[in-house]
């Protein structure tokens, strides 16, 4: 796996940042955060952002699902230190968008996560204009997405 682009490893590149507390149950037998914990921590931030985007509102039959989720592990994480998740929107398509995130602990990058969300309903329609506008507002700074 190639190392992520340098901009992905800076929390300043992302429009949204939040601290998420790690839990003792997140540890594996080696005493560091296990891979499932990384996925759950990223999911927490992704769901919070989707809620802020209005994704939990039942509007005009709109539905979207996770189509792809890729985590790149860069370093070990530990308990009890919280992690900072930095997240923003990457590419926006006709019926999908990319959520790009990075996880930091004690100021160091420990993982990145790329998630593709795909609109499943209504069939045959493009992203609603209001949602597209909100996604664009949360785009990664400097249009660094290739």
Protein backbone atom coordinates (compact mmCIF):
# COMPACT_ATOMS: atom_id res chain seq x y z
CA UNK A 1 0.00 0.00 0.00
CA UNK A 2 1.45 3.38 -0.91
CA UNK A 3 1.53 6.00 1.82
CA UNK A 4 -1.34 8.50 1.55
CA UNK A 5 -0.67 11.89 -0.03
CA UNK A 6 0.90 14.31 2.45
CA UNK A 7 -2.19 16.53 2.60
CA UNK A 8 -4.23 13.55 3.88
CA UNK A 9 -2.03 13.46 6.98
CA UNK A 10 -2.85 17.01 8.11
CA UNK A 11 -6.03 17.65 10.09
CA UNK A 12 -6.08 21.18 8.68
CA UNK A 13 -6.99 19.81 5.23
CA UNK A 14 -10.44 18.74 6.45
CA UNK A 15 -13.40 21.02 7.17
CA UNK A 16 -14.75 19.02 10.13
CA UNK A 17 -12.77 17.76 13.11
CA UNK A 18 -13.99 16.13 16.26
CA UNK A 19 -12.61 14.24 19.19
CA UNK A 20 -13.91 10.72 19.80
CA UNK A 21 -13.15 8.84 23.00
CA UNK A 22 -11.55 5.41 22.74
CA UNK A 23 -12.80 2.62 24.98
CA UNK A 24 -11.10 -0.20 26.83
CA UNK A 25 -13.14 -2.68 24.77
CA UNK A 26 -11.46 -1.28 21.62
CA UNK A 27 -8.19 -3.01 22.54
CA UNK A 28 -6.92 -6.24 21.08
CA UNK A 29 -4.73 -8.81 22.82
CA UNK A 30 -1.63 -6.76 21.93
CA UNK A 31 -2.99 -3.78 23.85
CA UNK A 32 -3.64 -1.46 20.91
CA UNK A 33 -6.82 -0.39 19.11
CA UNK A 34 -8.05 -3.24 16.94
CA UNK A 35 -9.13 -2.88 13.31
CA UNK A 36 -12.84 -3.10 14.16
CA UNK A 37 -12.41 -0.19 16.61
CA UNK A 38 -10.85 1.93 13.85
CA UNK A 39 -13.87 1.18 11.63
CA UNK A 40 -16.32 2.06 14.42
CA UNK A 41 -14.53 5.31 15.27
CA UNK A 42 -14.58 6.39 11.62
CA UNK A 43 -18.23 5.34 11.37
CA UNK A 44 -19.12 7.55 14.34
CA UNK A 45 -17.75 10.64 12.59
CA UNK A 46 -19.23 9.68 9.23
CA UNK A 47 -22.71 9.20 10.76
CA UNK A 48 -22.49 12.49 12.62
CA UNK A 49 -21.57 14.28 9.40
CA UNK A 50 -24.40 12.56 7.51
CA UNK A 51 -26.83 13.66 10.21
CA UNK A 52 -25.58 17.24 9.88
CA UNK A 53 -26.17 16.94 6.12
CA UNK A 54 -29.79 15.97 6.81
CA UNK A 55 -29.32 12.36 5.75
CA UNK A 56 -31.56 11.06 8.55
CA UNK A 57 -34.49 13.16 7.45
CA UNK A 58 -37.03 11.23 5.40
CA UNK A 59 -37.29 13.55 2.41
CA UNK A 60 -38.94 12.62 -0.88
CA UNK A 61 -37.96 8.95 -0.62
CA UNK A 62 -34.23 9.76 -0.68
CA UNK A 63 -31.99 6.87 0.39
CA UNK A 64 -28.24 6.32 0.30
CA UNK A 65 -25.94 3.51 1.42
CA UNK A 66 -22.24 2.86 1.91
CA UNK A 67 -20.95 1.25 -1.28
CA UNK A 68 -17.25 1.08 -0.38
CA UNK A 69 -15.21 1.64 2.75
CA UNK A 70 -11.42 1.45 2.76
CA UNK A 71 -9.24 1.95 5.83
CA UNK A 72 -5.48 2.37 5.65
CA UNK A 73 -3.76 1.69 8.96
CA UNK A 74 -0.69 3.87 9.45
CA UNK A 75 0.22 3.37 13.11
CA UNK A 76 -1.04 1.77 16.30
CA UNK A 77 -3.66 3.54 18.37
CA UNK A 78 -4.00 3.23 22.14
CA UNK A 79 -6.44 3.55 25.03
CA UNK A 80 -7.33 5.74 26.97
CA UNK A 81 -6.27 8.60 24.70
CA UNK A 82 -9.05 9.98 22.49
CA UNK A 83 -8.64 10.23 18.74
CA UNK A 84 -9.32 13.19 16.52
CA UNK A 85 -11.21 12.39 13.34
CA UNK A 86 -10.88 14.91 10.53
CA UNK A 87 -13.41 14.46 7.73
CA UNK A 88 -14.65 16.12 4.57
CA UNK A 89 -16.17 15.48 1.19
CA UNK A 90 -14.05 14.35 -1.75
CA UNK A 91 -15.48 13.70 -5.20
CA UNK A 92 -19.16 14.30 -5.84
CA UNK A 93 -20.80 12.37 -8.65
CA UNK A 94 -24.31 12.32 -10.09
CA UNK A 95 -25.60 9.82 -7.51
CA UNK A 96 -22.67 9.38 -5.14
CA UNK A 97 -20.10 11.18 -3.04
CA UNK A 98 -16.86 10.32 -1.32
CA UNK A 99 -16.21 10.97 2.36
CA UNK A 100 -12.50 11.23 3.17
CA UNK A 101 -11.30 11.03 6.75
CA UNK A 102 -8.11 10.73 8.75
CA UNK A 103 -7.62 9.67 12.36
CA UNK A 104 -5.04 11.29 14.61
CA UNK A 105 -3.93 10.43 18.11
CA UNK A 106 -1.69 12.68 20.14
CA UNK A 107 -1.11 14.75 17.01
CA UNK A 108 0.02 11.81 14.84
CA UNK A 109 -1.89 10.28 11.91
CA UNK A 110 -2.82 6.68 12.60
CA UNK A 111 -5.29 5.87 9.78
CA UNK A 112 -7.18 7.17 6.78
CA UNK A 113 -10.63 6.13 5.61
CA UNK A 114 -12.24 6.58 2.19
CA UNK A 115 -15.96 5.88 1.97
CA UNK A 116 -18.22 6.06 -1.08
CA UNK A 117 -21.90 6.77 -0.42
CA UNK A 118 -24.34 5.95 -3.24
CA UNK A 119 -27.88 7.22 -3.61
CA UNK A 120 -30.23 4.25 -4.07
CA UNK A 121 -33.57 6.08 -4.27
CA UNK A 122 -35.31 7.66 -5.97
CA UNK A 123 -34.17 5.58 -8.94
CA UNK A 124 -32.95 7.40 -12.01
CA UNK A 125 -32.60 10.80 -10.33
CA UNK A 126 -29.44 12.73 -9.49
CA UNK A 127 -28.45 14.06 -6.08
CA UNK A 128 -30.91 16.68 -4.82
CA UNK A 129 -29.58 20.21 -5.42
CA UNK A 130 -29.74 21.13 -1.72
CA UNK A 131 -27.70 18.06 -0.72
CA UNK A 132 -25.14 18.70 -3.47
CA UNK A 133 -24.74 22.26 -2.17
CA UNK A 134 -24.18 21.06 1.41
CA UNK A 135 -21.67 18.46 0.17
CA UNK A 136 -19.76 21.12 -1.76
CA UNK A 137 -19.61 23.32 1.38
CA UNK A 138 -17.87 20.47 3.22
CA UNK A 139 -15.37 19.77 0.44
CA UNK A 140 -11.74 19.09 1.24
CA UNK A 141 -9.79 22.36 1.43
CA UNK A 142 -7.87 23.48 -1.61
CA UNK A 143 -9.56 20.92 -3.87
CA UNK A 144 -6.72 18.52 -3.13
CA UNK A 145 -8.72 15.52 -4.23
CA UNK A 146 -7.20 14.20 -7.47
